[in-house]
């Protein structure tokens, strides 16, 4: 998987989900996909990032990189303050495992946002 466009295409179908969904792609060092996981929220606009589960999966997959994606059912792809805080926590947790957070994408019906492109990573 190279670039946010490829990742956005992989997760594009989540833009139409009625509730928030988090999807995680676990990658090799050369960015081949090792595995995918997702979790659904009961809420339309709030989800707790499962940092421990993401870290455990990264170890289980022997991943060297992670791409995180979640949708905004509101249609606005702008990352919220809570999105940025959770991403910083995940970044620190993965760094301790020598796993790179390649990007965090926000997918919405009106477009996508890339944390890397926005300078948040």
C-alpha atoms as a PDB file:
ATOM      1  CA  UNK A   1       0.000   0.000   0.000  1.00  0.00           C
ATOM      2  CA  UNK A   2       1.624   3.215  -1.100  1.00  0.00           C
ATOM      3  CA  UNK A   3       0.200   6.613  -0.304  1.00  0.00           C
ATOM      4  CA  UNK A   4      -2.984   7.878   1.212  1.00  0.00           C
ATOM      5  CA  UNK A   5      -4.859   7.479  -2.097  1.00  0.00           C
ATOM      6  CA  UNK A   6      -4.332   3.704  -2.032  1.00  0.00           C
ATOM      7  CA  UNK A   7      -5.346   3.529   1.614  1.00  0.00           C
ATOM      8  CA  UNK A   8      -8.366   5.736   0.956  1.00  0.00           C
ATOM      9  CA  UNK A   9      -9.454   3.420  -1.863  1.00  0.00           C
ATOM     10  CA  UNK A  10      -9.097   0.401   0.432  1.00  0.00           C
ATOM     11  CA  UNK A  11     -11.401   1.964   3.015  1.00  0.00           C
ATOM     12  CA  UNK A  12     -13.705   4.035   0.745  1.00  0.00           C
ATOM     13  CA  UNK A  13     -16.792   1.891   1.382  1.00  0.00           C
ATOM     14  CA  UNK A  14     -16.768   2.992   5.023  1.00  0.00           C
ATOM     15  CA  UNK A  15     -17.821   6.528   4.051  1.00  0.00           C
ATOM     16  CA  UNK A  16     -21.438   5.335   3.832  1.00  0.00           C
ATOM     17  CA  UNK A  17     -21.499   3.623   7.246  1.00  0.00           C
ATOM     18  CA  UNK A  18     -24.169   5.141   9.549  1.00  0.00           C
ATOM     19  CA  UNK A  19     -21.957   4.839  12.677  1.00  0.00           C
ATOM     20  CA  UNK A  20     -18.262   5.363  13.223  1.00  0.00           C
ATOM     21  CA  UNK A  21     -16.038   2.475  12.172  1.00  0.00           C
ATOM     22  CA  UNK A  22     -12.317   2.160  12.801  1.00  0.00           C
ATOM     23  CA  UNK A  23     -10.312   0.071  10.336  1.00  0.00           C
ATOM     24  CA  UNK A  24      -6.664  -0.836  10.774  1.00  0.00           C
ATOM     25  CA  UNK A  25      -4.283  -2.153   8.121  1.00  0.00           C
ATOM     26  CA  UNK A  26      -1.140  -3.881   9.396  1.00  0.00           C
ATOM     27  CA  UNK A  27       1.796  -3.600   7.012  1.00  0.00           C
ATOM     28  CA  UNK A  28       5.201  -5.106   6.308  1.00  0.00           C
ATOM     29  CA  UNK A  29       8.231  -2.836   6.076  1.00  0.00           C
ATOM     30  CA  UNK A  30       7.667  -2.501   2.319  1.00  0.00           C
ATOM     31  CA  UNK A  31       3.968  -1.753   2.978  1.00  0.00           C
ATOM     32  CA  UNK A  32       2.366  -5.004   1.916  1.00  0.00           C
ATOM     33  CA  UNK A  33      -0.849  -5.657   3.820  1.00  0.00           C
ATOM     34  CA  UNK A  34      -0.493  -8.398   6.439  1.00  0.00           C
ATOM     35  CA  UNK A  35      -3.991  -8.115   7.830  1.00  0.00           C
ATOM     36  CA  UNK A  36      -7.013  -5.902   8.382  1.00  0.00           C
ATOM     37  CA  UNK A  37      -9.198  -5.404  11.426  1.00  0.00           C
ATOM     38  CA  UNK A  38     -12.153  -3.179  12.140  1.00  0.00           C
ATOM     39  CA  UNK A  39     -14.397  -2.251  15.017  1.00  0.00           C
ATOM     40  CA  UNK A  40     -17.806  -0.600  14.949  1.00  0.00           C
ATOM     41  CA  UNK A  41     -19.249   1.934  17.325  1.00  0.00           C
ATOM     42  CA  UNK A  42     -22.751   2.006  18.697  1.00  0.00           C
ATOM     43  CA  UNK A  43     -22.563   5.766  18.294  1.00  0.00           C
ATOM     44  CA  UNK A  44     -22.832   7.913  15.189  1.00  0.00           C
ATOM     45  CA  UNK A  45     -20.188  10.372  16.325  1.00  0.00           C
ATOM     46  CA  UNK A  46     -17.948   8.845  18.990  1.00  0.00           C
ATOM     47  CA  UNK A  47     -15.593   5.905  19.198  1.00  0.00           C
ATOM     48  CA  UNK A  48     -12.869   4.964  21.618  1.00  0.00           C
ATOM     49  CA  UNK A  49      -9.637   4.015  19.857  1.00  0.00           C
ATOM     50  CA  UNK A  50      -8.682   0.462  20.975  1.00  0.00           C
ATOM     51  CA  UNK A  51      -4.954   1.186  21.448  1.00  0.00           C
ATOM     52  CA  UNK A  52      -4.181  -2.034  23.350  1.00  0.00           C
ATOM     53  CA  UNK A  53      -5.894  -4.170  20.709  1.00  0.00           C
ATOM     54  CA  UNK A  54      -4.093  -2.360  17.871  1.00  0.00           C
ATOM     55  CA  UNK A  55      -0.739  -2.843  19.615  1.00  0.00           C
ATOM     56  CA  UNK A  56      -1.481  -6.526  20.281  1.00  0.00           C
ATOM     57  CA  UNK A  57      -2.438  -7.085  16.635  1.00  0.00           C
ATOM     58  CA  UNK A  58       0.700  -5.267  15.445  1.00  0.00           C
ATOM     59  CA  UNK A  59       2.768  -7.694  17.520  1.00  0.00           C
ATOM     60  CA  UNK A  60       0.763 -10.726  16.371  1.00  0.00           C
ATOM     61  CA  UNK A  61       1.122  -9.742  12.699  1.00  0.00           C
ATOM     62  CA  UNK A  62       4.788  -8.763  13.237  1.00  0.00           C
ATOM     63  CA  UNK A  63       3.813  -5.516  11.522  1.00  0.00           C
ATOM     64  CA  UNK A  64       6.264  -2.717  10.828  1.00  0.00           C
ATOM     65  CA  UNK A  65       3.596  -0.205   9.919  1.00  0.00           C
ATOM     66  CA  UNK A  66      -0.042   0.610  10.620  1.00  0.00           C
ATOM     67  CA  UNK A  67      -2.579   2.665   8.699  1.00  0.00           C
ATOM     68  CA  UNK A  68      -5.564   3.711  10.770  1.00  0.00           C
ATOM     69  CA  UNK A  69      -8.823   4.830   9.217  1.00  0.00           C
ATOM     70  CA  UNK A  70     -12.123   5.899  10.605  1.00  0.00           C
ATOM     71  CA  UNK A  71     -15.194   7.423   9.081  1.00  0.00           C
ATOM     72  CA  UNK A  72     -17.173  10.522   9.979  1.00  0.00           C
ATOM     73  CA  UNK A  73     -20.857   9.796   9.274  1.00  0.00           C
ATOM     74  CA  UNK A  74     -21.494  13.554   9.488  1.00  0.00           C
ATOM     75  CA  UNK A  75     -19.842  13.904   6.076  1.00  0.00           C
ATOM     76  CA  UNK A  76     -17.107  16.269   7.323  1.00  0.00           C
ATOM     77  CA  UNK A  77     -13.616  14.696   7.026  1.00  0.00           C
ATOM     78  CA  UNK A  78     -11.976  17.273   9.307  1.00  0.00           C
ATOM     79  CA  UNK A  79     -10.133  15.525  12.185  1.00  0.00           C
ATOM     80  CA  UNK A  80     -11.554  16.483  15.581  1.00  0.00           C
ATOM     81  CA  UNK A  81      -9.477  17.382  18.638  1.00  0.00           C
ATOM     82  CA  UNK A  82     -10.370  13.951  20.062  1.00  0.00           C
ATOM     83  CA  UNK A  83      -9.149  12.313  16.823  1.00  0.00           C
ATOM     84  CA  UNK A  84      -5.819  14.154  17.116  1.00  0.00           C
ATOM     85  CA  UNK A  85      -5.409  13.271  20.820  1.00  0.00           C
ATOM     86  CA  UNK A  86      -6.136   9.581  20.260  1.00  0.00           C
ATOM     87  CA  UNK A  87      -3.752   9.498  17.307  1.00  0.00           C
ATOM     88  CA  UNK A  88      -0.934  10.980  19.413  1.00  0.00           C
ATOM     89  CA  UNK A  89      -1.534   8.281  22.055  1.00  0.00           C
ATOM     90  CA  UNK A  90      -1.465   5.541  19.408  1.00  0.00           C
ATOM     91  CA  UNK A  91       1.663   7.031  17.838  1.00  0.00           C
ATOM     92  CA  UNK A  92       3.491   6.818  21.187  1.00  0.00           C
ATOM     93  CA  UNK A  93       2.287   3.270  21.880  1.00  0.00           C
ATOM     94  CA  UNK A  94       3.318   1.987  18.449  1.00  0.00           C
ATOM     95  CA  UNK A  95       6.681   3.777  18.558  1.00  0.00           C
ATOM     96  CA  UNK A  96       7.517   1.856  21.738  1.00  0.00           C
ATOM     97  CA  UNK A  97       6.972  -1.339  19.690  1.00  0.00           C
ATOM     98  CA  UNK A  98       9.052  -0.021  16.756  1.00  0.00           C
ATOM     99  CA  UNK A  99       5.942   0.114  14.578  1.00  0.00           C
ATOM    100  CA  UNK A 100       5.374   3.182  12.403  1.00  0.00           C
ATOM    101  CA  UNK A 101       1.995   4.863  12.238  1.00  0.00           C
ATOM    102  CA  UNK A 102       2.051   5.436   8.487  1.00  0.00           C
ATOM    103  CA  UNK A 103      -1.143   7.486   8.371  1.00  0.00           C
ATOM    104  CA  UNK A 104      -4.528   8.059   9.946  1.00  0.00           C
ATOM    105  CA  UNK A 105      -7.268   8.756   7.431  1.00  0.00           C
ATOM    106  CA  UNK A 106     -10.678  10.226   8.073  1.00  0.00           C
ATOM    107  CA  UNK A 107     -13.144   9.056   5.421  1.00  0.00           C
ATOM    108  CA  UNK A 108     -16.392  10.955   4.814  1.00  0.00           C
ATOM    109  CA  UNK A 109     -18.944  11.321   2.063  1.00  0.00           C
ATOM    110  CA  UNK A 110     -17.526  14.731   1.110  1.00  0.00           C
ATOM    111  CA  UNK A 111     -13.868  13.660   1.000  1.00  0.00           C
ATOM    112  CA  UNK A 112     -10.957  12.312   2.990  1.00  0.00           C
ATOM    113  CA  UNK A 113      -8.330  13.754   5.335  1.00  0.00           C
ATOM    114  CA  UNK A 114      -4.832  12.424   5.868  1.00  0.00           C
ATOM    115  CA  UNK A 115      -3.131  13.135   9.190  1.00  0.00           C
ATOM    116  CA  UNK A 116       0.245  12.833   7.446  1.00  0.00           C
ATOM    117  CA  UNK A 117      -0.700  15.318   4.695  1.00  0.00           C
ATOM    118  CA  UNK A 118      -2.086  17.721   7.311  1.00  0.00           C
ATOM    119  CA  UNK A 119       1.217  17.576   9.238  1.00  0.00           C
ATOM    120  CA  UNK A 120      -0.233  15.817  12.299  1.00  0.00           C
ATOM    121  CA  UNK A 121       2.195  12.871  11.900  1.00  0.00           C
END
